[in-house]
Each structure stands twice: as C-alpha cells, then as structure tokens.
Amino acid sequence: MITVGVFEAKTHLSTLLDRVAAGEEVVITKHGRPVARLVGEQEIDRVRVNDAFEKLRALRKRTTLAGLSWKELRDEGRP
C-alpha cells in the first residue's frame, strides 16, 4: 500500500491507476489525513464478501433456537 497526497494523486492519477490495476492499494491524504482509498475492482468484491460474512455472523449471534436442540431439529422426521 502506498500513500500519496491529493495534489500528487491528481497529478499522477494515470500512473496510480496502473499500480492499482497491478494489485496495489493507494491511500490518498489531504493535509496528512487519509480521505480516500483506491483499490482494484477485484478488491471491491472481497470487501462485499467480508461485509456479508460479518452480517451473517451478527445475525447468528442474535438467533436462538429457544431451548431446542439443533440435533433434534435435524433428526425430526428422519426414519
């Protein structure tokens, strides 16, 4: 990951996009503070997947079987 200021990012955007396409991540700063991140398209998909997993984990923590056994539920109706 590289960090560049907003002026440098504006001046060298094409070069930065080439680096991002090659797999690097670029953080753009303004007055020394990070304000944006350039990531490749494939990285966005990974972020979406990670977000979906986190939402599922949170849902799982809130979901209970109200005292029922998951094994009993699994075996219900089996011969």
Protein backbone atom coordinates (compact mmCIF):
# COMPACT_ATOMS: atom_id res chain seq x y z
CA MET A 1 0.00 0.00 0.00
CA ILE A 2 1.25 3.46 -0.84
CA THR A 3 0.12 6.82 0.48
CA VAL A 4 0.04 9.99 -1.61
CA GLY A 5 -1.22 13.50 -1.11
CA VAL A 6 -4.19 14.78 -3.05
CA PHE A 7 -2.06 17.03 -5.29
CA GLU A 8 0.26 14.15 -6.20
CA ALA A 9 -2.75 11.89 -6.80
CA LYS A 10 -4.28 14.43 -9.15
CA THR A 11 -1.01 14.93 -10.98
CA HIS A 12 -0.21 11.22 -11.32
CA LEU A 13 -3.67 9.65 -11.47
CA SER A 14 -2.95 7.58 -14.57
CA THR A 15 0.18 6.08 -13.02
CA LEU A 16 -1.64 5.39 -9.76
CA LEU A 17 -4.44 3.63 -11.64
CA ASP A 18 -1.86 1.42 -13.36
CA ARG A 19 -0.43 0.49 -9.97
CA VAL A 20 -3.90 -0.25 -8.59
CA ALA A 21 -4.63 -2.44 -11.63
CA ALA A 22 -1.43 -4.33 -10.82
CA GLY A 23 -2.76 -5.08 -7.32
CA GLU A 24 -1.51 -2.22 -5.18
CA GLU A 25 -3.69 -0.15 -2.91
CA VAL A 26 -3.34 3.64 -2.80
CA VAL A 27 -4.43 5.82 0.12
CA ILE A 28 -4.96 9.48 -0.73
CA THR A 29 -4.42 12.03 2.02
CA LYS A 30 -5.45 15.63 2.44
CA HIS A 31 -3.47 17.67 4.94
CA GLY A 32 -1.91 14.43 6.15
CA ARG A 33 -5.22 12.68 6.86
CA PRO A 34 -6.46 9.70 4.82
CA VAL A 35 -9.57 10.68 2.84
CA ALA A 36 -9.84 8.04 0.11
CA ARG A 37 -8.56 4.67 -0.96
CA LEU A 38 -8.05 3.39 -4.50
CA VAL A 39 -8.45 -0.37 -4.80
CA GLY A 40 -8.80 -2.65 -7.78
CA GLU A 41 -12.19 -3.91 -8.88
CA GLN A 42 -11.44 -7.39 -7.53
CA GLU A 43 -10.83 -5.88 -4.08
CA ILE A 44 -14.33 -4.42 -4.01
CA ASP A 45 -15.80 -7.90 -4.41
CA ARG A 46 -13.71 -9.16 -1.50
CA VAL A 47 -14.94 -6.28 0.66
CA ARG A 48 -18.55 -7.13 -0.21
CA VAL A 49 -17.97 -10.78 0.68
CA ASN A 50 -16.38 -9.85 4.00
CA ASP A 51 -19.26 -7.49 4.78
CA ALA A 52 -21.77 -10.25 4.01
CA PHE A 53 -19.96 -12.67 6.34
CA GLU A 54 -19.93 -10.10 9.14
CA LYS A 55 -23.67 -9.55 8.73
CA LEU A 56 -24.28 -13.30 8.85
CA ARG A 57 -22.15 -13.63 11.99
CA ALA A 58 -24.13 -10.85 13.67
CA LEU A 59 -27.41 -12.49 12.65
CA ARG A 60 -26.22 -15.81 14.01
CA LYS A 61 -25.41 -14.27 17.39
CA ARG A 62 -28.94 -12.82 17.63
CA THR A 63 -30.70 -16.02 16.51
CA THR A 64 -31.56 -18.70 19.06
CA LEU A 65 -33.45 -21.97 18.96
CA ALA A 66 -35.40 -21.07 22.10
CA GLY A 67 -34.09 -24.08 24.01
CA LEU A 68 -34.49 -26.58 21.19
CA SER A 69 -31.64 -28.87 20.23
CA TRP A 70 -30.33 -28.47 16.70
CA LYS A 71 -29.74 -32.24 16.63
CA GLU A 72 -33.39 -32.88 17.46
CA LEU A 73 -34.44 -30.47 14.72
CA ARG A 74 -32.06 -32.16 12.28
CA ASP A 75 -33.34 -35.63 13.14
CA GLU A 76 -37.01 -34.70 13.17
CA GLY A 77 -38.88 -36.66 10.54
CA ARG A 78 -35.96 -38.97 9.79
CA PRO A 79 -36.78 -42.69 9.75
